[in-house]
Amino acid sequence: MDIREKILQAAARCYCRGGFRGTTTRKVASEAGVNEVTVFRHFGSKEALMREAIGRTWSELECPAPPDNPADAVKELTAWAIGFTEGIRAAAPLIRTRMGEYEQHPEIAPAEGSLPARAAAAVAAYLMALRERGLTSVRFDAQAAAAMLIGALFTDAIAREGMPDMFSGSAEAGISEYVRVFLRGIGVSV
């Protein structure tokens, strides 16, 4: 692993533990096994380092796309939703910290292309394919519908651990129910 990569990974770990204020370049350097000058040589500033570390975490999260040719919406969308929430759960500490600090540090917002944005685009395309195949019975805005499903899944993935009494059953059972309720709402026979 090269030095730049070590620094980025160390910065993301430090940020999860201490937020922006608690993540000093000295702590990042120590965690990465380099000196502080090396951090500045590679990134120029703490803000640039944090923006890249957070952005990279967002952009590297994987999420398989739903199939292009829908056949079984419940099965396909449930499988997709499980993969999506696994990605969000993997990055939950960083996401929770970032969300809590957005007002104080908007300058380190990750660039476009976050997992939720990519997921919403993929789900919207899937929903339009469902509509084109005649598998929905009501009119709906695919982008708004996708955002609604992503919102429910994202909230579950981020909040279930900290507010377990808000959610019923296991995470997988919750995901299955979100998908079923969602599909009924857009007129898919479930």
Protein backbone atom coordinates (compact mmCIF):
# COMPACT_ATOMS: atom_id res chain seq x y z
CA MET A 1 0.00 0.00 0.00
CA ASP A 2 1.43 3.40 -0.90
CA ILE A 3 1.86 6.26 1.58
CA ARG A 4 -1.04 8.30 0.21
CA GLU A 5 -3.41 5.37 0.65
CA LYS A 6 -2.18 4.73 4.20
CA ILE A 7 -2.82 8.38 5.05
CA LEU A 8 -6.34 8.33 3.56
CA GLN A 9 -7.30 5.19 5.44
CA ALA A 10 -5.87 6.56 8.68
CA ALA A 11 -7.76 9.84 8.19
CA ALA A 12 -11.07 8.00 7.71
CA ARG A 13 -10.50 5.91 10.85
CA CYS A 14 -9.53 8.98 12.91
CA TYR A 15 -12.53 10.91 11.60
CA CYS A 16 -14.92 8.13 12.65
CA ARG A 17 -13.51 8.26 16.17
CA GLY A 18 -13.09 12.00 16.67
CA GLY A 19 -14.91 13.94 14.00
CA PHE A 20 -13.30 16.86 12.19
CA ARG A 21 -12.14 18.71 15.26
CA GLY A 22 -10.73 15.63 16.95
CA THR A 23 -8.91 14.47 13.84
CA THR A 24 -5.61 16.27 13.85
CA THR A 25 -3.01 15.87 11.15
CA ARG A 26 -0.67 14.72 13.90
CA LYS A 27 -3.07 11.89 14.84
CA VAL A 28 -3.52 10.92 11.20
CA ALA A 29 0.25 10.88 10.66
CA SER A 30 0.79 8.75 13.74
CA GLU A 31 -1.93 6.28 12.72
CA ALA A 32 -0.52 6.08 9.19
CA GLY A 33 3.05 5.62 10.42
CA VAL A 34 4.36 8.76 8.70
CA ASN A 35 5.40 12.19 9.89
CA GLU A 36 3.04 15.15 9.81
CA VAL A 37 5.00 16.91 7.06
CA THR A 38 4.27 13.94 4.79
CA VAL A 39 0.53 14.43 5.35
CA PHE A 40 0.78 18.08 4.30
CA ARG A 41 3.05 17.26 1.35
CA HIS A 42 0.45 14.87 -0.02
CA PHE A 43 -2.73 16.82 0.77
CA GLY A 44 -1.83 20.44 1.48
CA SER A 45 -4.40 20.96 4.23
CA LYS A 46 -6.49 19.08 6.74
CA GLU A 47 -9.65 20.11 4.84
CA ALA A 48 -8.34 18.65 1.56
CA LEU A 49 -7.27 15.46 3.33
CA MET A 50 -10.64 15.00 5.00
CA ARG A 51 -12.61 15.80 1.84
CA GLU A 52 -10.67 13.16 -0.07
CA ALA A 53 -10.82 10.55 2.71
CA ILE A 54 -14.58 10.96 3.12
CA GLY A 55 -15.22 11.21 -0.62
CA ARG A 56 -13.19 8.11 -1.28
CA THR A 57 -15.10 6.13 1.33
CA TRP A 58 -18.39 7.18 -0.29
CA SER A 59 -17.27 6.48 -3.84
CA GLU A 60 -15.69 3.10 -3.06
CA LEU A 61 -18.79 1.60 -1.47
CA GLU A 62 -20.14 -1.08 -3.75
CA CYS A 63 -23.75 -1.66 -4.56
CA PRO A 64 -24.92 -4.05 -7.25
CA ALA A 65 -27.49 -2.60 -9.63
CA PRO A 66 -30.92 -4.17 -9.92
CA PRO A 67 -31.36 -6.15 -13.17
CA ASP A 68 -32.07 -4.29 -16.41
CA ASN A 69 -34.95 -6.61 -17.29
CA PRO A 70 -37.18 -7.03 -14.22
CA ALA A 71 -38.97 -10.32 -13.81
CA ASP A 72 -39.64 -10.76 -10.08
CA ALA A 73 -39.70 -7.31 -8.48
CA VAL A 74 -39.98 -8.53 -4.88
CA LYS A 75 -37.07 -10.92 -5.16
CA GLU A 76 -34.87 -8.61 -7.25
CA LEU A 77 -35.46 -5.42 -5.29
CA THR A 78 -35.10 -7.20 -1.93
CA ALA A 79 -31.76 -8.71 -2.97
CA TRP A 80 -30.62 -5.31 -4.21
CA ALA A 81 -31.79 -3.57 -1.00
CA ILE A 82 -29.87 -6.03 1.17
CA GLY A 83 -26.68 -5.27 -0.79
CA PHE A 84 -27.29 -1.54 -0.54
CA THR A 85 -27.82 -1.58 3.22
CA GLU A 86 -24.72 -3.75 3.73
CA GLY A 87 -22.67 -1.04 2.03
CA ILE A 88 -24.21 1.69 4.15
CA ARG A 89 -23.73 -0.31 7.36
CA ALA A 90 -20.06 -0.83 6.50
CA ALA A 91 -19.57 2.93 6.41
CA ALA A 92 -22.08 3.82 9.14
CA PRO A 93 -19.58 5.27 11.65
CA LEU A 94 -18.19 7.65 9.05
CA ILE A 95 -21.64 8.54 7.71
CA ARG A 96 -23.05 9.27 11.16
CA THR A 97 -20.07 11.46 12.02
CA ARG A 98 -20.28 13.29 8.69
CA MET A 99 -24.01 13.90 9.00
CA GLY A 100 -23.57 15.25 12.52
CA GLU A 101 -20.89 17.68 11.40
CA TYR A 102 -22.29 18.89 8.11
CA GLU A 103 -23.38 22.31 9.41
CA GLN A 104 -19.99 23.04 10.97
CA HIS A 105 -17.87 21.73 8.08
CA PRO A 106 -19.71 21.81 4.75
CA GLU A 107 -16.36 22.28 3.00
CA ILE A 108 -15.49 18.61 3.47
CA ALA A 109 -18.67 17.31 1.86
CA PRO A 110 -17.86 14.43 -0.47
CA ALA A 111 -18.13 15.00 -4.17
CA GLU A 112 -21.02 13.70 -6.21
CA GLY A 113 -21.26 9.99 -6.75
CA SER A 114 -22.05 8.86 -3.22
CA LEU A 115 -23.54 5.43 -2.74
CA PRO A 116 -27.04 6.80 -1.97
CA ALA A 117 -26.98 8.94 -5.14
CA ARG A 118 -25.79 6.04 -7.30
CA ALA A 119 -28.35 3.75 -5.68
CA ALA A 120 -31.20 6.20 -6.29
CA ALA A 121 -30.28 6.44 -9.98
CA ALA A 122 -30.12 2.64 -10.30
CA VAL A 123 -33.47 2.16 -8.53
CA ALA A 124 -35.13 4.87 -10.64
CA ALA A 125 -33.94 3.09 -13.81
CA TYR A 126 -35.24 -0.21 -12.44
CA LEU A 127 -38.63 1.35 -11.64
CA MET A 128 -38.90 2.78 -15.15
CA ALA A 129 -38.12 -0.70 -16.52
CA LEU A 130 -40.90 -2.11 -14.32
CA ARG A 131 -43.27 0.52 -15.74
CA GLU A 132 -42.22 -0.18 -19.34
CA ARG A 133 -42.89 -3.89 -18.84
CA GLY A 134 -46.36 -3.13 -17.50
CA LEU A 135 -45.55 -4.43 -14.02
CA THR A 136 -46.83 -1.33 -12.18
CA SER A 137 -50.42 -0.18 -12.07
CA VAL A 138 -50.15 3.42 -10.81
CA ARG A 139 -48.46 6.57 -12.05
CA PHE A 140 -45.44 7.71 -10.04
CA ASP A 141 -42.31 9.80 -10.38
CA ALA A 142 -39.47 7.25 -10.54
CA GLN A 143 -36.91 9.60 -8.98
CA ALA A 144 -39.17 10.51 -6.06
CA ALA A 145 -40.09 6.86 -5.51
CA ALA A 146 -36.44 5.81 -5.60
CA ALA A 147 -35.52 8.53 -3.11
CA MET A 148 -38.27 7.33 -0.79
CA LEU A 149 -37.03 3.73 -0.79
CA ILE A 150 -33.38 4.80 -0.45
CA GLY A 151 -34.39 7.02 2.48
CA ALA A 152 -36.05 4.16 4.34
CA LEU A 153 -33.14 1.79 3.72
CA PHE A 154 -30.53 4.42 4.57
CA THR A 155 -32.27 5.32 7.82
CA ASP A 156 -32.50 1.68 8.85
CA ALA A 157 -28.83 1.05 8.05
CA ILE A 158 -27.64 4.12 9.94
CA ALA A 159 -30.06 4.23 12.87
CA ARG A 160 -30.96 0.61 13.72
CA GLU A 161 -27.91 0.12 15.92
CA GLY A 162 -28.50 3.30 17.94
CA MET A 163 -32.31 3.16 18.11
CA PRO A 164 -33.24 -0.52 18.04
CA ASP A 165 -36.67 0.08 19.60
CA MET A 166 -37.70 2.06 16.50
CA PHE A 167 -37.40 -1.01 14.26
CA SER A 168 -39.24 -4.30 14.40
CA GLY A 169 -37.62 -7.64 13.69
CA SER A 170 -34.25 -8.26 12.15
CA ALA A 171 -32.63 -5.94 9.65
CA GLU A 172 -33.30 -8.40 6.83
CA ALA A 173 -36.98 -8.74 7.79
CA GLY A 174 -37.25 -4.95 7.90
CA ILE A 175 -35.73 -4.63 4.44
CA SER A 176 -38.13 -7.21 3.02
CA GLU A 177 -41.08 -5.33 4.49
CA TYR A 178 -39.86 -1.94 3.20
CA VAL A 179 -39.60 -3.40 -0.28
CA ARG A 180 -43.05 -5.03 -0.15
CA VAL A 181 -44.75 -1.86 1.14
CA PHE A 182 -42.87 0.21 -1.43
CA LEU A 183 -43.78 -2.05 -4.34
CA ARG A 184 -47.45 -2.11 -3.31
CA GLY A 185 -47.31 1.70 -3.27
CA ILE A 186 -46.23 1.85 -6.91
CA GLY A 187 -48.79 -0.74 -7.94
CA VAL A 188 -46.69 -3.88 -8.23
CA SER A 189 -48.53 -7.07 -7.38
CA VAL A 190 -46.74 -8.67 -4.41
